Amino acid sequence: MEVTLKDIARECNVSFSTVSKALKNSSEISQKTIDLVNKTAKRMGYHTNAAARALRINKTYSIGVIFEDITGSGLQHQYFAKIFDSINVHANKSGYNITFLSHTSSQSYLAQAKYRRCDGVIIVSTNFYREDVQELISSNIPLSMLDYKDNFNHSSIMSDNRTGIRVLTEKIIQNGHKRIAFIHGEE
């Protein structure tokens, strides 16, 4: 059985609102009461109800991620795996969870983001010119995108592939290699 704020209030002999404020370390509540409520909540095994919290503050602490992988590598993709890990680590440090949005014919990215009540969306890899992607980009949902700039001033991170290839090639040549092949799996 899930422990509620009402259960903690009953156990501490205080009001529901006192428990709520104490768990938020409100300055309206004495430190003695805050300590009592926190100790009781821990002893009883209380955990914040994310769904109730989302309804109350109109924020889910959820970030949608769009990644369309044409190579079939999925989350093990050589390039994107580190990006996913970084997104997840930084999101979690800030109290957010990530959820992947998928391309389906029945529900657009915008509809999925709204349905899942995402606080924002990160677009890692997709065809940015597709109609459903443009619909999301032109919406009011906060976005951050990899390797795409739009006209809506969303946050964009641009790769510098030309400089990377130039530096890599120069390094190979400096090491005495003369016959250099470039092999890649994506068109």
Protein backbone atom coordinates (compact mmCIF):
# COMPACT_ATOMS: atom_id res chain seq x y z
CA MET A 1 0.00 0.00 0.00
CA GLU A 2 1.31 3.42 -0.97
CA VAL A 3 1.99 5.90 1.83
CA THR A 4 0.28 9.27 1.30
CA LEU A 5 0.73 12.72 2.79
CA LYS A 6 -2.46 12.11 4.77
CA ASP A 7 -0.90 9.01 6.35
CA ILE A 8 2.16 11.00 7.40
CA ALA A 9 -0.04 13.82 8.74
CA ARG A 10 -2.04 11.36 10.83
CA GLU A 11 1.17 9.75 12.17
CA CYS A 12 2.73 13.13 13.06
CA ASN A 13 -0.55 14.60 14.34
CA VAL A 14 -0.27 17.61 12.01
CA SER A 15 -2.29 18.84 9.04
CA PHE A 16 -1.94 17.67 5.45
CA SER A 17 -0.70 21.13 4.39
CA THR A 18 1.93 21.10 7.17
CA VAL A 19 3.30 17.81 5.83
CA SER A 20 3.31 19.18 2.28
CA LYS A 21 5.17 22.31 3.35
CA ALA A 22 7.57 20.40 5.59
CA LEU A 23 8.57 18.06 2.74
CA LYS A 24 9.38 21.17 0.68
CA ASN A 25 11.45 22.65 3.56
CA SER A 26 9.15 25.67 3.69
CA SER A 27 10.26 28.52 5.95
CA GLU A 28 6.65 28.65 7.21
CA ILE A 29 7.26 25.41 9.16
CA SER A 30 9.58 25.02 12.15
CA GLN A 31 12.76 23.00 11.69
CA LYS A 32 11.56 20.64 14.44
CA THR A 33 8.37 19.86 12.46
CA ILE A 34 10.33 19.52 9.19
CA ASP A 35 12.66 17.01 10.85
CA LEU A 36 9.73 15.06 12.36
CA VAL A 37 7.86 14.90 9.04
CA ASN A 38 10.96 13.89 7.04
CA LYS A 39 11.92 11.21 9.59
CA THR A 40 8.35 9.84 9.64
CA ALA A 41 8.09 9.90 5.83
CA LYS A 42 11.34 7.97 5.53
CA ARG A 43 10.33 5.44 8.21
CA MET A 44 6.96 4.86 6.53
CA GLY A 45 8.55 4.46 3.08
CA TYR A 46 6.96 7.54 1.52
CA HIS A 47 7.87 8.38 -2.09
CA THR A 48 6.62 11.36 -4.05
CA ASN A 49 3.76 10.46 -6.39
CA ALA A 50 5.02 11.80 -9.72
CA ALA A 51 1.57 11.72 -11.33
CA ALA A 52 -0.04 13.70 -8.50
CA ARG A 53 2.85 16.14 -8.49
CA ALA A 54 2.57 16.64 -12.25
CA LEU A 55 -1.13 17.43 -11.96
CA ARG A 56 -0.56 19.82 -9.07
CA ILE A 57 2.27 21.86 -10.59
CA ASN A 58 1.48 21.22 -14.29
CA LYS A 59 5.00 19.90 -14.90
CA THR A 60 6.01 16.26 -15.48
CA TYR A 61 9.81 16.58 -15.32
CA SER A 62 9.86 14.52 -18.49
CA ILE A 63 11.86 15.28 -21.63
CA GLY A 64 10.98 13.60 -24.90
CA VAL A 65 13.81 12.42 -27.15
CA ILE A 66 13.45 11.81 -30.88
CA PHE A 67 15.96 9.48 -32.46
CA GLU A 68 15.32 7.79 -35.79
CA ASP A 69 18.09 5.31 -36.49
CA ILE A 70 18.37 4.23 -40.10
CA THR A 71 21.37 1.98 -39.29
CA GLY A 72 19.43 -0.28 -36.94
CA SER A 73 22.05 0.19 -34.20
CA GLY A 74 19.53 1.64 -31.76
CA LEU A 75 20.87 2.97 -28.49
CA GLN A 76 24.23 1.27 -29.19
CA HIS A 77 24.92 3.56 -32.18
CA GLN A 78 28.63 4.48 -32.14
CA TYR A 79 28.00 8.21 -32.35
CA PHE A 80 24.70 8.66 -30.54
CA ALA A 81 25.24 6.32 -27.56
CA LYS A 82 27.41 8.92 -25.79
CA ILE A 83 24.92 11.65 -26.60
CA PHE A 84 22.06 9.60 -25.08
CA ASP A 85 24.13 8.89 -21.99
CA SER A 86 24.95 12.58 -21.59
CA ILE A 87 21.30 13.60 -22.06
CA ASN A 88 20.20 11.01 -19.48
CA VAL A 89 22.88 11.93 -16.91
CA HIS A 90 22.22 15.66 -17.15
CA ALA A 91 18.44 15.24 -17.17
CA ASN A 92 18.56 13.00 -14.08
CA LYS A 93 20.86 15.44 -12.24
CA SER A 94 18.21 18.09 -12.80
CA GLY A 95 15.37 15.82 -11.67
CA TYR A 96 14.10 14.99 -15.17
CA ASN A 97 13.43 11.66 -16.87
CA ILE A 98 13.77 11.04 -20.57
CA THR A 99 11.29 9.21 -22.71
CA PHE A 100 11.74 8.27 -26.33
CA LEU A 101 9.08 9.39 -28.80
CA SER A 102 8.64 7.10 -31.77
CA HIS A 103 7.59 7.73 -35.34
CA THR A 104 4.24 6.07 -35.88
CA SER A 105 1.59 6.61 -38.49
CA SER A 106 -1.13 6.83 -35.84
CA GLN A 107 0.33 9.60 -33.68
CA SER A 108 2.56 12.53 -34.63
CA TYR A 109 5.54 13.60 -32.54
CA LEU A 110 3.60 16.64 -31.36
CA ALA A 111 0.64 14.49 -30.31
CA GLN A 112 2.97 12.12 -28.43
CA ALA A 113 4.76 14.98 -26.67
CA LYS A 114 1.43 16.45 -25.60
CA TYR A 115 -0.01 13.06 -24.60
CA ARG A 116 3.05 12.30 -22.46
CA ARG A 117 3.02 15.91 -21.21
CA CYS A 118 6.71 16.38 -22.03
CA ASP A 119 8.17 19.57 -20.60
CA GLY A 120 10.44 19.73 -23.64
CA VAL A 121 11.79 17.65 -26.52
CA ILE A 122 15.32 16.99 -27.73
CA ILE A 123 15.55 16.05 -31.40
CA VAL A 124 18.71 14.02 -31.91
CA SER A 125 18.24 12.43 -35.31
CA THR A 126 15.37 12.57 -37.77
CA ASN A 127 14.35 13.94 -41.13
CA PHE A 128 13.78 17.52 -39.98
CA TYR A 129 11.89 18.39 -43.17
CA ARG A 130 9.12 15.85 -42.67
CA GLU A 131 5.69 17.39 -42.03
CA ASP A 132 5.18 15.90 -38.56
CA VAL A 133 8.63 17.05 -37.42
CA GLN A 134 7.99 20.57 -38.74
CA GLU A 135 4.65 20.53 -36.88
CA LEU A 136 6.53 19.85 -33.62
CA ILE A 137 9.18 22.47 -34.39
CA SER A 138 6.54 25.15 -35.00
CA SER A 139 4.66 24.28 -31.79
CA ASN A 140 5.10 25.99 -28.43
CA ILE A 141 6.89 22.99 -26.85
CA PRO A 142 10.47 23.89 -25.84
CA LEU A 143 12.95 22.16 -28.17
CA SER A 144 16.64 21.53 -28.45
CA MET A 145 17.99 20.07 -31.69
CA LEU A 146 21.17 18.45 -32.90
CA ASP A 147 22.49 19.59 -36.28
CA TYR A 148 19.47 21.63 -37.33
CA LYS A 149 18.73 25.34 -37.06
CA ASP A 150 15.20 26.63 -37.47
CA ASN A 151 13.52 30.02 -37.77
CA PHE A 152 11.97 29.83 -34.29
CA ASN A 153 15.19 30.37 -32.31
CA HIS A 154 15.13 26.96 -30.66
CA SER A 155 18.32 25.77 -29.03
CA SER A 156 20.55 24.05 -31.58
CA ILE A 157 23.86 22.24 -31.25
CA MET A 158 25.72 22.03 -34.51
CA SER A 159 28.41 19.44 -35.26
CA ASP A 160 31.51 20.60 -37.07
CA ASN A 161 31.99 17.54 -39.28
CA ARG A 162 34.20 19.25 -41.85
CA THR A 163 36.74 20.37 -39.26
CA GLY A 164 36.62 16.95 -37.60
CA ILE A 165 37.34 15.10 -40.84
CA ARG A 166 40.09 17.60 -41.78
CA VAL A 167 41.83 17.21 -38.40
CA LEU A 168 41.49 13.41 -38.55
CA THR A 169 42.88 13.26 -42.10
CA GLU A 170 45.79 15.57 -41.24
CA LYS A 171 46.67 13.37 -38.26
CA ILE A 172 46.62 10.22 -40.41
CA ILE A 173 48.89 11.91 -42.99
CA GLN A 174 51.25 13.16 -40.23
CA ASN A 175 51.60 9.54 -39.09
CA GLY A 176 52.95 8.65 -42.56
CA HIS A 177 49.88 7.04 -44.07
CA LYS A 178 49.38 7.68 -47.79
CA ARG A 179 46.57 5.34 -48.86
CA ILE A 180 43.50 6.44 -46.92
CA ALA A 181 40.01 5.01 -47.30
CA PHE A 182 36.80 6.48 -45.88
CA ILE A 183 34.13 3.90 -45.06
CA HIS A 184 30.73 4.72 -43.61
CA GLY A 185 27.41 2.91 -43.27
CA GLU A 186 24.91 5.69 -43.85
CA GLU A 187 24.07 7.54 -47.04
